[in-house]
Amino acid sequence: MTKEDTAAQLEQVRRRLAREKAARLEAESIAESVTRRLYDSIQELREMNDQVERTNRDLEAANQTLRDFVAVASHDLRGPVSAVLGFASTLSKKWDVLPESEKLEFLEIIERRGRFLSRMLDSLLTLSRIEAGALDVHREMLEADAVIARSLEDIGEERAAEVEVTCAPGLRLEADPDHVQRILVNYITNAFKYGRPPVLVEARNTGPYVEFVVRDHGEGIPPGFEDRLFHKFSRAETEVTRQEKGAGLGLSIVQGLARANDGEAWYEANRPTGSCFGVRLPGLKAA
């Protein structure tokens, strides 16, 4: 074999090796591309699956809310509506024969049940605005002691006389006055409804925040229910709560109002007995 033949064979081998290398590189490139596409597809499928799961959770939450609302409507609204219609019908049919004392009694019942329905409707509307992010918040500079005083006016003189107030001097905060007052009235009213006096209201400074704390000396919250306290339609099953009408919206609204004002509401057990509810809101330094 001549040198020329050997050189030709070597050239053929080099070309074949070059073609094989090129083919291998192309195959690797295709494999890498396919792998990348598969990976991207898997990621997209995972994201779609996560989205489906989130949607299912949202749908389940919406269904649960609807079931809770239907339960409230059938249990807590049907009674007052039936009472209003029943007593109004009786007054309409027997007005001329009923004694004045019974007329007044029936009218008082209608008014009392009507106020309950009005409060329930207001709570549902407020909660819907909170959850839709459509709540109007008008922040002002507030004096903590003045806010407490207005809240005590709302609960009435008799109950207000049983409330002990501790408020650090010159304590100021920035929040919607109606929202703060509604939070405190809810806490104080609940302390009398579900707890026992003495009811203690404290306002204190905690760094950049002002905290309002309301304590009672009742039985406190049943063990295991703490995590559900601020959920809508949640009510603890106790002898006291069974005697009190309500839809379990108050504390959910409290938490929504607190967060709308850049704050937070919470619960902790009082010592030695009772409940302690608090709300933390942005404070202002004393002038």
C-alpha atoms as a PDB file:
ATOM      1  CA  MET A   1       0.000   0.000   0.000  1.00  0.00           C
ATOM      2  CA  THR A   2       1.348   3.279  -1.054  1.00  0.00           C
ATOM      3  CA  LYS A   3       1.585   6.368   1.069  1.00  0.00           C
ATOM      4  CA  GLU A   4      -1.168   7.902  -1.040  1.00  0.00           C
ATOM      5  CA  ASP A   5      -3.485   4.950  -0.282  1.00  0.00           C
ATOM      6  CA  THR A   6      -2.725   5.141   3.440  1.00  0.00           C
ATOM      7  CA  ALA A   7      -3.340   8.886   3.482  1.00  0.00           C
ATOM      8  CA  ALA A   8      -6.665   8.394   1.666  1.00  0.00           C
ATOM      9  CA  GLN A   9      -7.807   5.762   4.185  1.00  0.00           C
ATOM     10  CA  LEU A  10      -6.812   7.987   7.097  1.00  0.00           C
ATOM     11  CA  GLU A  11      -8.736  10.843   5.529  1.00  0.00           C
ATOM     12  CA  GLN A  12     -11.798   8.619   5.179  1.00  0.00           C
ATOM     13  CA  VAL A  13     -11.485   7.574   8.828  1.00  0.00           C
ATOM     14  CA  ARG A  14     -11.155  11.210   9.925  1.00  0.00           C
ATOM     15  CA  ARG A  15     -14.216  12.182   7.886  1.00  0.00           C
ATOM     16  CA  ARG A  16     -16.217   9.279   9.288  1.00  0.00           C
ATOM     17  CA  LEU A  17     -15.204  10.202  12.814  1.00  0.00           C
ATOM     18  CA  ALA A  18     -16.081  13.843  12.114  1.00  0.00           C
ATOM     19  CA  ARG A  19     -19.505  12.781  10.804  1.00  0.00           C
ATOM     20  CA  GLU A  20     -20.065  10.542  13.815  1.00  0.00           C
ATOM     21  CA  LYS A  21     -19.007  13.335  16.163  1.00  0.00           C
ATOM     22  CA  ALA A  22     -21.308  15.789  14.399  1.00  0.00           C
ATOM     23  CA  ALA A  23     -24.150  13.258  14.543  1.00  0.00           C
ATOM     24  CA  ARG A  24     -23.451  12.607  18.230  1.00  0.00           C
ATOM     25  CA  LEU A  25     -23.406  16.344  19.004  1.00  0.00           C
ATOM     26  CA  GLU A  26     -26.636  16.834  17.082  1.00  0.00           C
ATOM     27  CA  ALA A  27     -28.220  13.900  18.918  1.00  0.00           C
ATOM     28  CA  GLU A  28     -27.063  15.322  22.250  1.00  0.00           C
ATOM     29  CA  SER A  29     -28.442  18.729  21.265  1.00  0.00           C
ATOM     30  CA  ILE A  30     -31.780  17.190  20.310  1.00  0.00           C
ATOM     31  CA  ALA A  31     -31.836  15.157  23.514  1.00  0.00           C
ATOM     32  CA  GLU A  32     -31.032  18.251  25.558  1.00  0.00           C
ATOM     33  CA  SER A  33     -33.741  20.220  23.764  1.00  0.00           C
ATOM     34  CA  VAL A  34     -36.296  17.442  24.272  1.00  0.00           C
ATOM     35  CA  THR A  35     -35.277  17.102  27.919  1.00  0.00           C
ATOM     36  CA  ARG A  36     -35.596  20.851  28.407  1.00  0.00           C
ATOM     37  CA  ARG A  37     -39.015  20.854  26.793  1.00  0.00           C
ATOM     38  CA  LEU A  38     -40.089  17.890  28.907  1.00  0.00           C
ATOM     39  CA  TYR A  39     -38.834  19.660  32.027  1.00  0.00           C
ATOM     40  CA  ASP A  40     -40.686  22.839  31.040  1.00  0.00           C
ATOM     41  CA  SER A  41     -43.822  20.795  30.357  1.00  0.00           C
ATOM     42  CA  ILE A  42     -43.523  19.088  33.716  1.00  0.00           C
ATOM     43  CA  GLN A  43     -43.108  22.472  35.407  1.00  0.00           C
ATOM     44  CA  GLU A  44     -46.144  23.816  33.542  1.00  0.00           C
ATOM     45  CA  LEU A  45     -48.141  20.748  34.555  1.00  0.00           C
ATOM     46  CA  ARG A  46     -47.069  21.218  38.161  1.00  0.00           C
ATOM     47  CA  GLU A  47     -48.069  24.883  38.060  1.00  0.00           C
ATOM     48  CA  MET A  48     -51.388  23.974  36.444  1.00  0.00           C
ATOM     49  CA  ASN A  49     -51.929  21.295  39.063  1.00  0.00           C
ATOM     50  CA  ASP A  50     -51.106  23.785  41.834  1.00  0.00           C
ATOM     51  CA  GLN A  51     -53.532  26.267  40.273  1.00  0.00           C
ATOM     52  CA  VAL A  52     -56.236  23.608  40.082  1.00  0.00           C
ATOM     53  CA  GLU A  53     -55.617  22.713  43.721  1.00  0.00           C
ATOM     54  CA  ARG A  54     -55.780  26.391  44.734  1.00  0.00           C
ATOM     55  CA  THR A  55     -58.970  26.814  42.728  1.00  0.00           C
ATOM     56  CA  ASN A  56     -60.454  23.718  44.342  1.00  0.00           C
ATOM     57  CA  ARG A  57     -59.512  25.040  47.785  1.00  0.00           C
ATOM     58  CA  ASP A  58     -61.057  28.414  46.952  1.00  0.00           C
ATOM     59  CA  LEU A  59     -64.203  26.702  45.676  1.00  0.00           C
ATOM     60  CA  GLU A  60     -64.392  24.549  48.783  1.00  0.00           C
ATOM     61  CA  ALA A  61     -63.923  27.633  50.967  1.00  0.00           C
ATOM     62  CA  ALA A  62     -66.654  29.424  49.008  1.00  0.00           C
ATOM     63  CA  ASN A  63     -68.926  26.393  49.321  1.00  0.00           C
ATOM     64  CA  GLN A  64     -68.232  26.217  53.049  1.00  0.00           C
ATOM     65  CA  THR A  65     -69.013  29.929  53.389  1.00  0.00           C
ATOM     66  CA  LEU A  66     -72.248  29.386  51.490  1.00  0.00           C
ATOM     67  CA  ARG A  67     -73.144  26.416  53.690  1.00  0.00           C
ATOM     68  CA  ASP A  68     -72.340  28.456  56.793  1.00  0.00           C
ATOM     69  CA  PHE A  69     -74.448  31.356  55.539  1.00  0.00           C
ATOM     70  CA  VAL A  70     -77.371  29.052  54.743  1.00  0.00           C
ATOM     71  CA  ALA A  71     -77.050  27.587  58.242  1.00  0.00           C
ATOM     72  CA  VAL A  72     -77.045  31.080  59.749  1.00  0.00           C
ATOM     73  CA  ALA A  73     -79.968  32.159  57.576  1.00  0.00           C
ATOM     74  CA  SER A  74     -81.995  29.097  58.509  1.00  0.00           C
ATOM     75  CA  HIS A  75     -81.110  29.149  62.204  1.00  0.00           C
ATOM     76  CA  ASP A  76     -80.396  32.712  63.288  1.00  0.00           C
ATOM     77  CA  LEU A  77     -82.498  34.672  60.788  1.00  0.00           C
ATOM     78  CA  ARG A  78     -85.562  32.472  60.455  1.00  0.00           C
ATOM     79  CA  GLY A  79     -86.490  32.806  64.140  1.00  0.00           C
ATOM     80  CA  PRO A  80     -86.468  36.619  64.288  1.00  0.00           C
ATOM     81  CA  VAL A  81     -88.198  36.936  60.901  1.00  0.00           C
ATOM     82  CA  SER A  82     -90.903  34.470  61.965  1.00  0.00           C
ATOM     83  CA  ALA A  83     -91.349  36.345  65.237  1.00  0.00           C
ATOM     84  CA  VAL A  84     -91.687  39.722  63.503  1.00  0.00           C
ATOM     85  CA  LEU A  85     -94.192  38.352  60.988  1.00  0.00           C
ATOM     86  CA  GLY A  86     -96.123  36.435  63.642  1.00  0.00           C
ATOM     87  CA  PHE A  87     -96.501  39.284  66.121  1.00  0.00           C
ATOM     88  CA  ALA A  88     -97.210  41.806  63.338  1.00  0.00           C
ATOM     89  CA  SER A  89     -99.932  39.510  61.971  1.00  0.00           C
ATOM     90  CA  THR A  90    -101.455  39.109  65.445  1.00  0.00           C
ATOM     91  CA  LEU A  91    -101.480  42.876  65.979  1.00  0.00           C
ATOM     92  CA  SER A  92    -103.038  43.434  62.569  1.00  0.00           C
ATOM     93  CA  LYS A  93    -105.840  40.911  63.095  1.00  0.00           C
ATOM     94  CA  LYS A  94    -106.571  41.488  66.780  1.00  0.00           C
ATOM     95  CA  TRP A  95    -105.661  45.140  67.329  1.00  0.00           C
ATOM     96  CA  ASP A  96    -109.142  46.063  68.553  1.00  0.00           C
ATOM     97  CA  VAL A  97    -109.401  43.240  71.099  1.00  0.00           C
ATOM     98  CA  LEU A  98    -105.856  43.091  72.477  1.00  0.00           C
ATOM     99  CA  PRO A  99    -105.190  44.937  75.750  1.00  0.00           C
ATOM    100  CA  GLU A 100    -102.752  47.833  75.560  1.00  0.00           C
ATOM    101  CA  SER A 101    -100.153  45.981  77.645  1.00  0.00           C
ATOM    102  CA  GLU A 102    -100.005  43.113  75.117  1.00  0.00           C
ATOM    103  CA  LYS A 103     -99.841  45.525  72.188  1.00  0.00           C
ATOM    104  CA  LEU A 104     -96.834  47.233  73.744  1.00  0.00           C
ATOM    105  CA  GLU A 105     -95.218  43.883  74.539  1.00  0.00           C
ATOM    106  CA  PHE A 106     -95.653  42.666  70.955  1.00  0.00           C
ATOM    107  CA  LEU A 107     -94.316  45.926  69.538  1.00  0.00           C
ATOM    108  CA  GLU A 108     -91.265  45.735  71.809  1.00  0.00           C
ATOM    109  CA  ILE A 109     -90.588  42.173  70.603  1.00  0.00           C
ATOM    110  CA  ILE A 110     -90.910  43.270  66.965  1.00  0.00           C
ATOM    111  CA  GLU A 111     -88.535  46.181  67.580  1.00  0.00           C
ATOM    112  CA  ARG A 112     -86.013  43.979  69.421  1.00  0.00           C
ATOM    113  CA  ARG A 113     -86.032  41.310  66.719  1.00  0.00           C
ATOM    114  CA  GLY A 114     -85.859  43.997  64.035  1.00  0.00           C
ATOM    115  CA  ARG A 115     -82.740  45.497  65.655  1.00  0.00           C
ATOM    116  CA  PHE A 116     -81.160  42.023  65.749  1.00  0.00           C
ATOM    117  CA  LEU A 117     -81.854  41.537  62.030  1.00  0.00           C
ATOM    118  CA  SER A 118     -80.463  44.991  61.278  1.00  0.00           C
ATOM    119  CA  ARG A 119     -77.244  44.213  63.169  1.00  0.00           C
ATOM    120  CA  MET A 120     -76.939  40.874  61.392  1.00  0.00           C
ATOM    121  CA  LEU A 121     -77.370  42.518  57.984  1.00  0.00           C
ATOM    122  CA  ASP A 122     -74.818  45.207  58.875  1.00  0.00           C
ATOM    123  CA  SER A 123     -72.327  42.540  59.971  1.00  0.00           C
ATOM    124  CA  LEU A 124     -72.756  40.550  56.752  1.00  0.00           C
ATOM    125  CA  LEU A 125     -72.310  43.679  54.620  1.00  0.00           C
ATOM    126  CA  THR A 126     -69.241  44.779  56.585  1.00  0.00           C
ATOM    127  CA  LEU A 127     -67.693  41.321  56.298  1.00  0.00           C
ATOM    128  CA  SER A 128     -68.342  41.201  52.549  1.00  0.00           C
ATOM    129  CA  ARG A 129     -66.627  44.593  52.093  1.00  0.00           C
ATOM    130  CA  ILE A 130     -63.652  43.430  54.184  1.00  0.00           C
ATOM    131  CA  GLU A 131     -63.235  40.229  52.166  1.00  0.00           C
ATOM    132  CA  ALA A 132     -63.602  42.117  48.873  1.00  0.00           C
ATOM    133  CA  GLY A 133     -60.956  44.666  49.930  1.00  0.00           C
ATOM    134  CA  ALA A 134     -63.548  47.406  49.486  1.00  0.00           C
ATOM    135  CA  LEU A 135     -63.688  48.664  53.071  1.00  0.00           C
ATOM    136  CA  ASP A 136     -63.397  52.443  53.444  1.00  0.00           C
ATOM    137  CA  VAL A 137     -60.677  53.366  55.950  1.00  0.00           C
ATOM    138  CA  HIS A 138     -60.427  56.978  57.151  1.00  0.00           C
ATOM    139  CA  ARG A 139     -57.386  57.226  59.407  1.00  0.00           C
ATOM    140  CA  GLU A 140     -57.133  59.999  61.985  1.00  0.00           C
ATOM    141  CA  MET A 141     -54.951  60.866  64.934  1.00  0.00           C
ATOM    142  CA  LEU A 142     -56.789  59.473  67.981  1.00  0.00           C
ATOM    143  CA  GLU A 143     -56.368  59.815  71.721  1.00  0.00           C
ATOM    144  CA  ALA A 144     -56.544  56.342  73.265  1.00  0.00           C
ATOM    145  CA  ASP A 145     -58.432  57.481  76.377  1.00  0.00           C
ATOM    146  CA  ALA A 146     -61.042  59.299  74.259  1.00  0.00           C
ATOM    147  CA  VAL A 147     -61.620  56.204  72.121  1.00  0.00           C
ATOM    148  CA  ILE A 148     -62.187  54.105  75.241  1.00  0.00           C
ATOM    149  CA  ALA A 149     -64.569  56.721  76.660  1.00  0.00           C
ATOM    150  CA  ARG A 150     -66.689  56.756  73.479  1.00  0.00           C
ATOM    151  CA  SER A 151     -66.767  52.951  73.443  1.00  0.00           C
ATOM    152  CA  LEU A 152     -68.026  52.880  77.044  1.00  0.00           C
ATOM    153  CA  GLU A 153     -70.764  55.348  76.113  1.00  0.00           C
ATOM    154  CA  ASP A 154     -71.916  52.891  73.459  1.00  0.00           C
ATOM    155  CA  ILE A 155     -72.333  49.969  75.859  1.00  0.00           C
ATOM    156  CA  GLY A 156     -74.500  51.959  78.302  1.00  0.00           C
ATOM    157  CA  GLU A 157     -74.008  53.465  81.744  1.00  0.00           C
ATOM    158  CA  GLU A 158     -74.880  50.318  83.705  1.00  0.00           C
ATOM    159  CA  ARG A 159     -72.228  48.160  82.070  1.00  0.00           C
ATOM    160  CA  ALA A 160     -69.723  51.004  81.755  1.00  0.00           C
ATOM    161  CA  ALA A 161     -69.831  51.414  85.548  1.00  0.00           C
ATOM    162  CA  GLU A 162     -68.448  47.857  85.905  1.00  0.00           C
ATOM    163  CA  VAL A 163     -65.464  48.456  83.614  1.00  0.00           C
ATOM    164  CA  GLU A 164     -62.052  49.284  85.062  1.00  0.00           C
ATOM    165  CA  VAL A 165     -59.903  51.363  82.700  1.00  0.00           C
ATOM    166  CA  THR A 166     -56.128  51.724  82.666  1.00  0.00           C
ATOM    167  CA  CYS A 167     -54.683  54.008  80.014  1.00  0.00           C
ATOM    168  CA  ALA A 168     -51.170  55.377  79.756  1.00  0.00           C
ATOM    169  CA  PRO A 169     -51.221  59.208  79.553  1.00  0.00           C
ATOM    170  CA  GLY A 170     -50.738  60.874  76.166  1.00  0.00           C
ATOM    171  CA  LEU A 171     -51.256  57.655  74.255  1.00  0.00           C
ATOM    172  CA  ARG A 172     -52.097  58.359  70.603  1.00  0.00           C
ATOM    173  CA  LEU A 173     -52.660  56.210  67.542  1.00  0.00           C
ATOM    174  CA  GLU A 174     -53.515  56.532  63.878  1.00  0.00           C
ATOM    175  CA  ALA A 175     -56.583  54.597  62.756  1.00  0.00           C
ATOM    176  CA  ASP A 176     -60.190  54.874  61.623  1.00  0.00           C
ATOM    177  CA  PRO A 177     -62.102  56.012  64.751  1.00  0.00           C
ATOM    178  CA  ASP A 178     -65.272  54.093  63.862  1.00  0.00           C
ATOM    179  CA  HIS A 179     -63.301  50.896  63.326  1.00  0.00           C
ATOM    180  CA  VAL A 180     -61.411  51.141  66.616  1.00  0.00           C
ATOM    181  CA  GLN A 181     -64.602  51.920  68.501  1.00  0.00           C
ATOM    182  CA  ARG A 182     -66.381  48.981  66.892  1.00  0.00           C
ATOM    183  CA  ILE A 183     -63.535  46.651  67.883  1.00  0.00           C
ATOM    184  CA  LEU A 184     -63.581  47.808  71.512  1.00  0.00           C
ATOM    185  CA  VAL A 185     -67.381  47.703  71.775  1.00  0.00           C
ATOM    186  CA  ASN A 186     -67.332  44.140  70.444  1.00  0.00           C
ATOM    187  CA  TYR A 187     -64.666  43.082  72.932  1.00  0.00           C
ATOM    188  CA  ILE A 188     -66.327  44.757  75.919  1.00  0.00           C
ATOM    189  CA  THR A 189     -69.819  43.534  75.010  1.00  0.00           C
ATOM    190  CA  ASN A 190     -68.521  39.982  74.596  1.00  0.00           C
ATOM    191  CA  ALA A 191     -66.795  40.222  77.970  1.00  0.00           C
ATOM    192  CA  PHE A 192     -70.184  40.841  79.599  1.00  0.00           C
ATOM    193  CA  LYS A 193     -72.112  38.360  77.430  1.00  0.00           C
ATOM    194  CA  TYR A 194     -69.736  35.425  77.657  1.00  0.00           C
ATOM    195  CA  GLY A 195     -67.523  36.286  80.639  1.00  0.00           C
ATOM    196  CA  ARG A 196     -67.984  37.791  84.086  1.00  0.00           C
ATOM    197  CA  PRO A 197     -67.047  41.098  85.729  1.00  0.00           C
ATOM    198  CA  PRO A 198     -64.802  42.710  86.597  1.00  0.00           C
ATOM    199  CA  VAL A 199     -64.075  43.701  82.996  1.00  0.00           C
ATOM    200  CA  LEU A 200     -60.705  45.400  82.589  1.00  0.00           C
ATOM    201  CA  VAL A 201     -59.764  47.637  79.642  1.00  0.00           C
ATOM    202  CA  GLU A 202     -56.131  48.614  79.226  1.00  0.00           C
ATOM    203  CA  ALA A 203     -54.395  50.795  76.639  1.00  0.00           C
ATOM    204  CA  ARG A 204     -50.614  50.591  76.524  1.00  0.00           C
ATOM    205  CA  ASN A 205     -47.650  51.555  74.387  1.00  0.00           C
ATOM    206  CA  THR A 206     -45.591  48.753  72.831  1.00  0.00           C
ATOM    207  CA  GLY A 207     -42.908  50.395  70.712  1.00  0.00           C
ATOM    208  CA  PRO A 208     -44.432  51.662  67.471  1.00  0.00           C
ATOM    209  CA  TYR A 209     -47.873  50.323  68.396  1.00  0.00           C
ATOM    210  CA  VAL A 210     -50.726  51.026  70.762  1.00  0.00           C
ATOM    211  CA  GLU A 211     -52.425  47.963  72.227  1.00  0.00           C
ATOM    212  CA  PHE A 212     -55.945  47.798  73.631  1.00  0.00           C
ATOM    213  CA  VAL A 213     -56.601  44.782  75.845  1.00  0.00           C
ATOM    214  CA  VAL A 214     -59.975  43.697  77.298  1.00  0.00           C
ATOM    215  CA  ARG A 215     -60.041  41.089  80.079  1.00  0.00           C
ATOM    216  CA  ASP A 216     -62.923  39.368  81.844  1.00  0.00           C
ATOM    217  CA  HIS A 217     -63.079  36.803  84.642  1.00  0.00           C
ATOM    218  CA  GLY A 218     -65.437  34.203  83.199  1.00  0.00           C
ATOM    219  CA  GLU A 219     -64.757  30.624  82.137  1.00  0.00           C
ATOM    220  CA  GLY A 220     -62.640  31.580  79.130  1.00  0.00           C
ATOM    221  CA  ILE A 221     -62.546  29.919  75.731  1.00  0.00           C
ATOM    222  CA  PRO A 222     -62.986  26.119  75.526  1.00  0.00           C
ATOM    223  CA  PRO A 223     -59.665  24.294  74.940  1.00  0.00           C
ATOM    224  CA  GLY A 224     -58.957  23.684  71.267  1.00  0.00           C
ATOM    225  CA  PHE A 225     -61.210  26.462  70.012  1.00  0.00           C
ATOM    226  CA  GLU A 226     -58.634  29.273  70.120  1.00  0.00           C
ATOM    227  CA  ASP A 227     -57.475  28.790  66.520  1.00  0.00           C
ATOM    228  CA  ARG A 228     -61.028  29.249  65.196  1.00  0.00           C
ATOM    229  CA  LEU A 229     -61.987  32.271  67.275  1.00  0.00           C
ATOM    230  CA  PHE A 230     -61.514  34.831  64.489  1.00  0.00           C
ATOM    231  CA  HIS A 231     -63.005  32.672  61.728  1.00  0.00           C
ATOM    232  CA  LYS A 232     -66.378  33.748  60.362  1.00  0.00           C
ATOM    233  CA  PHE A 233     -69.429  31.831  61.552  1.00  0.00           C
ATOM    234  CA  SER A 234     -67.393  30.268  64.383  1.00  0.00           C
ATOM    235  CA  ARG A 235     -69.021  29.981  67.794  1.00  0.00           C
ATOM    236  CA  ALA A 236     -67.763  28.008  70.750  1.00  0.00           C
ATOM    237  CA  GLU A 237     -70.251  25.503  72.130  1.00  0.00           C
ATOM    238  CA  THR A 238     -70.729  26.354  75.798  1.00  0.00           C
ATOM    239  CA  GLU A 239     -73.723  26.794  78.063  1.00  0.00           C
ATOM    240  CA  VAL A 240     -73.309  30.560  77.848  1.00  0.00           C
ATOM    241  CA  THR A 241     -73.026  30.781  74.048  1.00  0.00           C
ATOM    242  CA  ARG A 242     -76.073  28.535  73.576  1.00  0.00           C
ATOM    243  CA  GLN A 243     -78.127  31.086  75.485  1.00  0.00           C
ATOM    244  CA  GLU A 244     -76.898  34.017  73.380  1.00  0.00           C
ATOM    245  CA  LYS A 245     -78.010  34.619  69.798  1.00  0.00           C
ATOM    246  CA  GLY A 246     -75.335  35.364  67.234  1.00  0.00           C
ATOM    247  CA  ALA A 247     -73.862  34.252  63.936  1.00  0.00           C
ATOM    248  CA  GLY A 248     -70.193  34.169  64.908  1.00  0.00           C
ATOM    249  CA  LEU A 249     -69.292  37.162  62.751  1.00  0.00           C
ATOM    250  CA  GLY A 250     -68.159  39.676  65.374  1.00  0.00           C
ATOM    251  CA  LEU A 251     -64.558  38.542  65.891  1.00  0.00           C
ATOM    252  CA  SER A 252     -64.045  37.910  62.184  1.00  0.00           C
ATOM    253  CA  ILE A 253     -65.072  41.529  61.570  1.00  0.00           C
ATOM    254  CA  VAL A 254     -62.770  42.669  64.388  1.00  0.00           C
ATOM    255  CA  GLN A 255     -59.789  40.965  62.745  1.00  0.00           C
ATOM    256  CA  GLY A 256     -60.721  42.419  59.352  1.00  0.00           C
ATOM    257  CA  LEU A 257     -61.021  45.943  60.761  1.00  0.00           C
ATOM    258  CA  ALA A 258     -57.710  45.586  62.627  1.00  0.00           C
ATOM    259  CA  ARG A 259     -55.845  44.453  59.504  1.00  0.00           C
ATOM    260  CA  ALA A 260     -57.472  47.150  57.376  1.00  0.00           C
ATOM    261  CA  ASN A 261     -55.837  49.622  59.792  1.00  0.00           C
ATOM    262  CA  ASP A 262     -52.431  47.881  59.588  1.00  0.00           C
ATOM    263  CA  GLY A 263     -52.978  46.157  62.907  1.00  0.00           C
ATOM    264  CA  GLU A 264     -53.745  42.737  64.339  1.00  0.00           C
ATOM    265  CA  ALA A 265     -56.245  41.236  66.777  1.00  0.00           C
ATOM    266  CA  TRP A 266     -55.531  38.299  69.071  1.00  0.00           C
ATOM    267  CA  TYR A 267     -56.730  36.221  72.014  1.00  0.00           C
ATOM    268  CA  GLU A 268     -54.951  34.822  75.036  1.00  0.00           C
ATOM    269  CA  ALA A 269     -56.159  33.237  78.244  1.00  0.00           C
ATOM    270  CA  ASN A 270     -56.539  35.561  81.209  1.00  0.00           C
ATOM    271  CA  ARG A 271     -54.980  34.612  84.509  1.00  0.00           C
ATOM    272  CA  PRO A 272     -56.203  33.051  86.723  1.00  0.00           C
ATOM    273  CA  THR A 273     -59.540  32.769  84.857  1.00  0.00           C
ATOM    274  CA  GLY A 274     -61.297  34.393  81.942  1.00  0.00           C
ATOM    275  CA  SER A 275     -60.462  35.684  78.489  1.00  0.00           C
ATOM    276  CA  CYS A 276     -58.133  38.372  77.194  1.00  0.00           C
ATOM    277  CA  PHE A 277     -58.738  39.906  73.769  1.00  0.00           C
ATOM    278  CA  GLY A 278     -56.382  42.483  72.290  1.00  0.00           C
ATOM    279  CA  VAL A 279     -55.832  44.640  69.236  1.00  0.00           C
ATOM    280  CA  ARG A 280     -52.557  46.218  68.139  1.00  0.00           C
ATOM    281  CA  LEU A 281     -52.667  49.392  66.007  1.00  0.00           C
ATOM    282  CA  PRO A 282     -50.039  51.840  64.696  1.00  0.00           C
ATOM    283  CA  GLY A 283     -49.203  54.419  67.356  1.00  0.00           C
ATOM    284  CA  LEU A 284     -47.963  57.999  67.288  1.00  0.00           C
ATOM    285  CA  LYS A 285     -45.233  59.516  69.435  1.00  0.00           C
ATOM    286  CA  ALA A 286     -46.389  62.006  72.024  1.00  0.00           C
ATOM    287  CA  ALA A 287     -46.002  65.640  70.968  1.00  0.00           C
END
